[in-house]
């Protein structure tokens, strides 16, 4: 499925993708599977990711400010770095994110 011209699916290469304000939630099953996707440097500000499966995704340098990571969002095994920007009050370590 396409969002802003990007193919959104498991294992997708979404490096530097502009997905700000997009609804990629589990409520839209076509978008809910982003496991093993490369979201390095992606702009996910204010995106709805509630219930999205992001396990194993590369979130290095991604901007997730204001993103909805609630509900059943699965971040176990996702990889991030010191440049990944998280929503205020969100604890990526508790969510199972790996920092390398």
N, C-alpha and C. Protein backbone atom coordinates (compact mmCIF):
# COMPACT_ATOMS: atom_id res chain seq x y z
N UNK A 1 0.85 -1.17 0.00
CA UNK A 1 0.00 0.00 0.00
C UNK A 1 0.89 1.24 0.00
N UNK A 2 0.44 2.28 -0.62
CA UNK A 2 1.23 3.51 -0.72
C UNK A 2 0.70 4.59 0.23
N UNK A 3 1.66 5.30 0.83
CA UNK A 3 1.36 6.46 1.67
C UNK A 3 2.35 7.54 1.26
N UNK A 4 1.87 8.68 0.85
CA UNK A 4 2.74 9.77 0.38
C UNK A 4 3.74 9.29 -0.67
N UNK A 5 3.35 8.33 -1.49
CA UNK A 5 4.21 7.82 -2.54
C UNK A 5 5.16 6.72 -2.11
N UNK A 6 5.16 6.36 -0.81
CA UNK A 6 6.04 5.32 -0.29
C UNK A 6 5.27 4.01 -0.18
N UNK A 7 5.92 2.92 -0.53
CA UNK A 7 5.31 1.61 -0.33
C UNK A 7 5.52 1.22 1.13
N UNK A 8 4.42 1.01 1.84
CA UNK A 8 4.46 0.70 3.27
C UNK A 8 4.08 -0.76 3.44
N UNK A 9 5.08 -1.58 3.83
CA UNK A 9 4.88 -3.01 4.00
C UNK A 9 6.04 -3.56 4.84
N UNK A 10 5.92 -4.81 5.32
CA UNK A 10 7.04 -5.38 6.07
C UNK A 10 8.32 -5.35 5.24
N UNK A 11 9.42 -4.97 5.88
CA UNK A 11 10.72 -4.94 5.23
C UNK A 11 10.92 -3.79 4.25
N UNK A 12 9.98 -2.86 4.19
CA UNK A 12 10.08 -1.74 3.24
C UNK A 12 11.26 -0.85 3.55
N UNK A 13 11.84 -0.27 2.51
CA UNK A 13 12.91 0.72 2.69
C UNK A 13 12.27 2.09 2.70
N UNK A 14 12.09 2.63 3.89
CA UNK A 14 11.47 3.94 4.09
C UNK A 14 12.48 4.93 4.65
N UNK A 15 13.73 4.78 4.23
CA UNK A 15 14.79 5.68 4.66
C UNK A 15 14.42 7.12 4.32
N UNK A 16 14.45 7.99 5.31
CA UNK A 16 14.15 9.42 5.16
C UNK A 16 12.74 9.70 4.63
N UNK A 17 11.83 8.76 4.80
CA UNK A 17 10.45 8.93 4.34
C UNK A 17 9.75 10.05 5.10
N UNK A 18 8.91 10.79 4.41
CA UNK A 18 8.12 11.87 5.01
C UNK A 18 6.74 11.32 5.30
N UNK A 19 6.55 10.87 6.54
CA UNK A 19 5.29 10.25 6.95
C UNK A 19 4.65 11.01 8.11
N UNK A 20 4.98 12.28 8.22
CA UNK A 20 4.42 13.12 9.28
C UNK A 20 2.91 13.17 9.16
N UNK A 21 2.23 13.08 10.30
CA UNK A 21 0.77 13.18 10.41
C UNK A 21 0.01 12.05 9.72
N UNK A 22 0.67 10.98 9.31
CA UNK A 22 -0.01 9.89 8.62
C UNK A 22 -0.59 8.89 9.61
N UNK A 23 -1.69 8.24 9.22
CA UNK A 23 -2.31 7.21 10.04
C UNK A 23 -1.81 5.86 9.56
N UNK A 24 -0.85 5.30 10.30
CA UNK A 24 -0.28 4.00 10.00
C UNK A 24 -0.66 3.01 11.09
N UNK A 25 -1.79 3.23 11.70
CA UNK A 25 -2.19 2.47 12.88
C UNK A 25 -2.70 1.08 12.53
N UNK A 26 -2.81 0.28 13.58
CA UNK A 26 -3.38 -1.05 13.46
C UNK A 26 -4.84 -1.02 13.06
N UNK A 27 -5.48 0.15 13.19
CA UNK A 27 -6.87 0.29 12.75
C UNK A 27 -6.95 0.22 11.22
N UNK A 28 -5.83 0.44 10.57
CA UNK A 28 -5.73 0.33 9.11
C UNK A 28 -4.79 -0.84 8.83
N UNK A 29 -5.30 -2.07 8.84
CA UNK A 29 -4.44 -3.26 8.78
C UNK A 29 -3.44 -3.26 7.63
N UNK A 30 -3.74 -2.59 6.55
CA UNK A 30 -2.81 -2.57 5.42
C UNK A 30 -1.49 -1.91 5.81
N UNK A 31 -1.52 -1.00 6.79
CA UNK A 31 -0.32 -0.26 7.17
C UNK A 31 0.29 -0.76 8.47
N UNK A 32 -0.36 -1.67 9.15
CA UNK A 32 0.03 -2.04 10.50
C UNK A 32 1.27 -2.91 10.57
N UNK A 33 1.74 -3.42 9.45
CA UNK A 33 2.87 -4.33 9.47
C UNK A 33 4.12 -3.65 8.91
N UNK A 34 4.92 -3.11 9.81
CA UNK A 34 6.17 -2.46 9.41
C UNK A 34 7.37 -3.17 10.04
N UNK A 35 7.17 -4.45 10.40
CA UNK A 35 8.30 -5.16 10.99
C UNK A 35 9.44 -5.26 9.99
N UNK A 36 10.64 -5.11 10.53
CA UNK A 36 11.87 -5.16 9.75
C UNK A 36 11.98 -4.05 8.70
N UNK A 37 11.14 -3.04 8.78
CA UNK A 37 11.22 -1.91 7.84
C UNK A 37 12.41 -1.02 8.20
N UNK A 38 12.99 -0.40 7.19
CA UNK A 38 14.07 0.55 7.41
C UNK A 38 13.47 1.95 7.43
N UNK A 39 13.31 2.50 8.63
CA UNK A 39 12.75 3.84 8.83
C UNK A 39 13.83 4.82 9.29
N UNK A 40 15.07 4.52 8.93
CA UNK A 40 16.19 5.37 9.33
C UNK A 40 15.99 6.79 8.79
N UNK A 41 16.01 7.76 9.72
CA UNK A 41 15.87 9.16 9.34
C UNK A 41 14.47 9.56 8.92
N UNK A 42 13.50 8.68 9.09
CA UNK A 42 12.12 8.99 8.66
C UNK A 42 11.48 10.05 9.56
N UNK A 43 10.65 10.87 8.96
CA UNK A 43 9.88 11.86 9.70
C UNK A 43 8.52 11.25 10.00
N UNK A 44 8.34 10.82 11.24
CA UNK A 44 7.09 10.23 11.72
C UNK A 44 6.43 11.11 12.77
N UNK A 45 6.72 12.40 12.71
CA UNK A 45 6.14 13.33 13.69
C UNK A 45 4.63 13.30 13.61
N UNK A 46 4.02 13.17 14.78
CA UNK A 46 2.57 13.19 14.93
C UNK A 46 1.86 12.10 14.13
N UNK A 47 2.59 11.06 13.73
CA UNK A 47 1.97 9.93 13.02
C UNK A 47 1.22 9.06 14.02
N UNK A 48 0.16 8.44 13.57
CA UNK A 48 -0.58 7.50 14.40
C UNK A 48 -0.02 6.11 14.12
N UNK A 49 0.74 5.58 15.09
CA UNK A 49 1.35 4.26 14.98
C UNK A 49 0.75 3.29 15.99
N UNK A 50 -0.37 3.65 16.59
CA UNK A 50 -1.00 2.81 17.60
C UNK A 50 -1.34 1.44 17.01
N UNK A 51 -0.83 0.40 17.65
CA UNK A 51 -1.11 -0.97 17.22
C UNK A 51 -0.28 -1.43 16.04
N UNK A 52 0.70 -0.64 15.62
CA UNK A 52 1.55 -1.02 14.50
C UNK A 52 2.65 -1.96 14.96
N UNK A 53 2.97 -2.95 14.13
CA UNK A 53 4.03 -3.89 14.44
C UNK A 53 5.33 -3.37 13.86
N UNK A 54 6.19 -2.85 14.73
CA UNK A 54 7.47 -2.27 14.33
C UNK A 54 8.65 -3.10 14.82
N UNK A 55 8.39 -4.35 15.24
CA UNK A 55 9.51 -5.13 15.77
C UNK A 55 10.53 -5.38 14.67
N UNK A 56 11.79 -5.23 15.08
CA UNK A 56 12.90 -5.40 14.15
C UNK A 56 13.12 -4.23 13.21
N UNK A 57 12.34 -3.17 13.33
CA UNK A 57 12.48 -2.01 12.43
C UNK A 57 13.72 -1.19 12.80
N UNK A 58 14.30 -0.55 11.80
CA UNK A 58 15.43 0.35 12.01
C UNK A 58 14.87 1.76 12.20
N UNK A 59 14.97 2.27 13.42
CA UNK A 59 14.46 3.60 13.75
C UNK A 59 15.60 4.58 14.04
N UNK A 60 16.80 4.25 13.58
CA UNK A 60 17.94 5.14 13.83
C UNK A 60 17.69 6.50 13.19
N UNK A 61 17.79 7.54 14.00
CA UNK A 61 17.63 8.90 13.50
C UNK A 61 16.21 9.28 13.13
N UNK A 62 15.24 8.42 13.40
CA UNK A 62 13.84 8.75 13.07
C UNK A 62 13.30 9.80 14.04
N UNK A 63 12.40 10.63 13.55
CA UNK A 63 11.76 11.66 14.37
C UNK A 63 10.34 11.20 14.67
N UNK A 64 10.12 10.80 15.92
CA UNK A 64 8.82 10.30 16.36
C UNK A 64 8.13 11.26 17.33
N UNK A 65 8.56 12.52 17.34
CA UNK A 65 7.92 13.49 18.24
C UNK A 65 6.42 13.55 17.98
N UNK A 66 5.67 13.42 19.06
CA UNK A 66 4.22 13.53 18.97
C UNK A 66 3.54 12.30 18.38
N UNK A 67 4.30 11.28 17.99
CA UNK A 67 3.71 10.07 17.41
C UNK A 67 2.93 9.31 18.48
N UNK A 68 1.84 8.68 18.07
CA UNK A 68 1.05 7.85 18.97
C UNK A 68 1.60 6.44 18.93
N UNK A 69 2.29 6.05 19.99
CA UNK A 69 2.88 4.72 20.11
C UNK A 69 2.14 3.89 21.15
N UNK A 70 0.91 4.25 21.43
CA UNK A 70 0.14 3.57 22.46
C UNK A 70 -0.50 2.29 21.97
N UNK A 71 -1.38 1.77 22.80
CA UNK A 71 -2.10 0.56 22.44
C UNK A 71 -1.17 -0.63 22.29
N UNK A 72 -1.33 -1.35 21.22
CA UNK A 72 -0.56 -2.57 21.00
C UNK A 72 0.64 -2.35 20.09
N UNK A 73 1.17 -1.15 20.01
CA UNK A 73 2.35 -0.91 19.19
C UNK A 73 3.48 -1.81 19.68
N UNK A 74 4.09 -2.56 18.77
CA UNK A 74 5.12 -3.52 19.13
C UNK A 74 6.47 -3.03 18.62
N UNK A 75 7.33 -2.61 19.55
CA UNK A 75 8.67 -2.11 19.22
C UNK A 75 9.77 -3.06 19.66
N UNK A 76 9.41 -4.26 20.07
CA UNK A 76 10.43 -5.20 20.56
C UNK A 76 11.44 -5.50 19.46
N UNK A 77 12.71 -5.32 19.78
CA UNK A 77 13.77 -5.61 18.83
C UNK A 77 14.00 -4.53 17.79
N UNK A 78 13.19 -3.45 17.83
CA UNK A 78 13.46 -2.33 16.93
C UNK A 78 14.79 -1.72 17.35
N UNK A 79 15.52 -1.16 16.39
CA UNK A 79 16.83 -0.59 16.69
C UNK A 79 16.79 0.92 16.56
N UNK A 80 17.41 1.59 17.53
CA UNK A 80 17.45 3.05 17.56
C UNK A 80 18.84 3.50 17.97
N UNK A 81 19.06 4.79 17.89
CA UNK A 81 20.33 5.35 18.32
C UNK A 81 20.08 6.66 19.05
N UNK A 82 21.17 7.35 19.39
CA UNK A 82 21.04 8.60 20.15
C UNK A 82 20.38 9.70 19.34
N UNK A 83 20.23 9.51 18.05
CA UNK A 83 19.60 10.53 17.20
C UNK A 83 18.11 10.30 16.99
N UNK A 84 17.61 9.17 17.46
CA UNK A 84 16.17 8.90 17.38
C UNK A 84 15.46 9.82 18.37
N UNK A 85 14.42 10.49 17.91
CA UNK A 85 13.67 11.42 18.76
C UNK A 85 12.33 10.77 19.10
N UNK A 86 12.07 10.62 20.39
CA UNK A 86 10.88 9.92 20.88
C UNK A 86 9.81 10.90 21.34
N UNK A 87 8.55 10.44 21.42
CA UNK A 87 7.50 11.29 21.99
C UNK A 87 7.83 11.60 23.45
N UNK A 88 7.43 12.75 23.89
CA UNK A 88 7.67 13.15 25.28
C UNK A 88 7.08 12.12 26.23
N UNK A 89 7.89 11.69 27.19
CA UNK A 89 7.43 10.75 28.21
C UNK A 89 7.48 9.29 27.80
N UNK A 90 7.86 9.00 26.56
CA UNK A 90 7.91 7.62 26.09
C UNK A 90 9.26 6.99 26.48
N UNK A 91 9.22 5.75 26.98
CA UNK A 91 10.44 5.07 27.38
C UNK A 91 10.72 3.92 26.40
N UNK A 92 11.60 4.12 25.44
CA UNK A 92 11.86 3.10 24.44
C UNK A 92 12.48 1.83 25.02
N UNK A 93 13.24 1.94 26.10
CA UNK A 93 13.87 0.76 26.70
C UNK A 93 12.79 -0.17 27.25
N UNK A 94 11.82 0.41 27.94
CA UNK A 94 10.71 -0.40 28.47
C UNK A 94 9.93 -1.06 27.33
N UNK A 95 9.86 -0.38 26.18
CA UNK A 95 9.14 -0.91 25.01
C UNK A 95 9.93 -2.00 24.28
N UNK A 96 11.18 -2.24 24.69
CA UNK A 96 11.97 -3.29 24.08
C UNK A 96 12.86 -2.87 22.94
N UNK A 97 13.08 -1.56 22.77
CA UNK A 97 13.94 -1.05 21.72
C UNK A 97 15.39 -1.33 22.07
N UNK A 98 16.18 -1.66 21.06
CA UNK A 98 17.60 -1.96 21.23
C UNK A 98 18.42 -0.75 20.77
N UNK A 99 19.35 -0.33 21.62
CA UNK A 99 20.24 0.77 21.29
C UNK A 99 21.63 0.22 21.06
N UNK A 100 22.21 0.53 19.90
CA UNK A 100 23.57 0.06 19.59
C UNK A 100 24.43 1.22 19.20
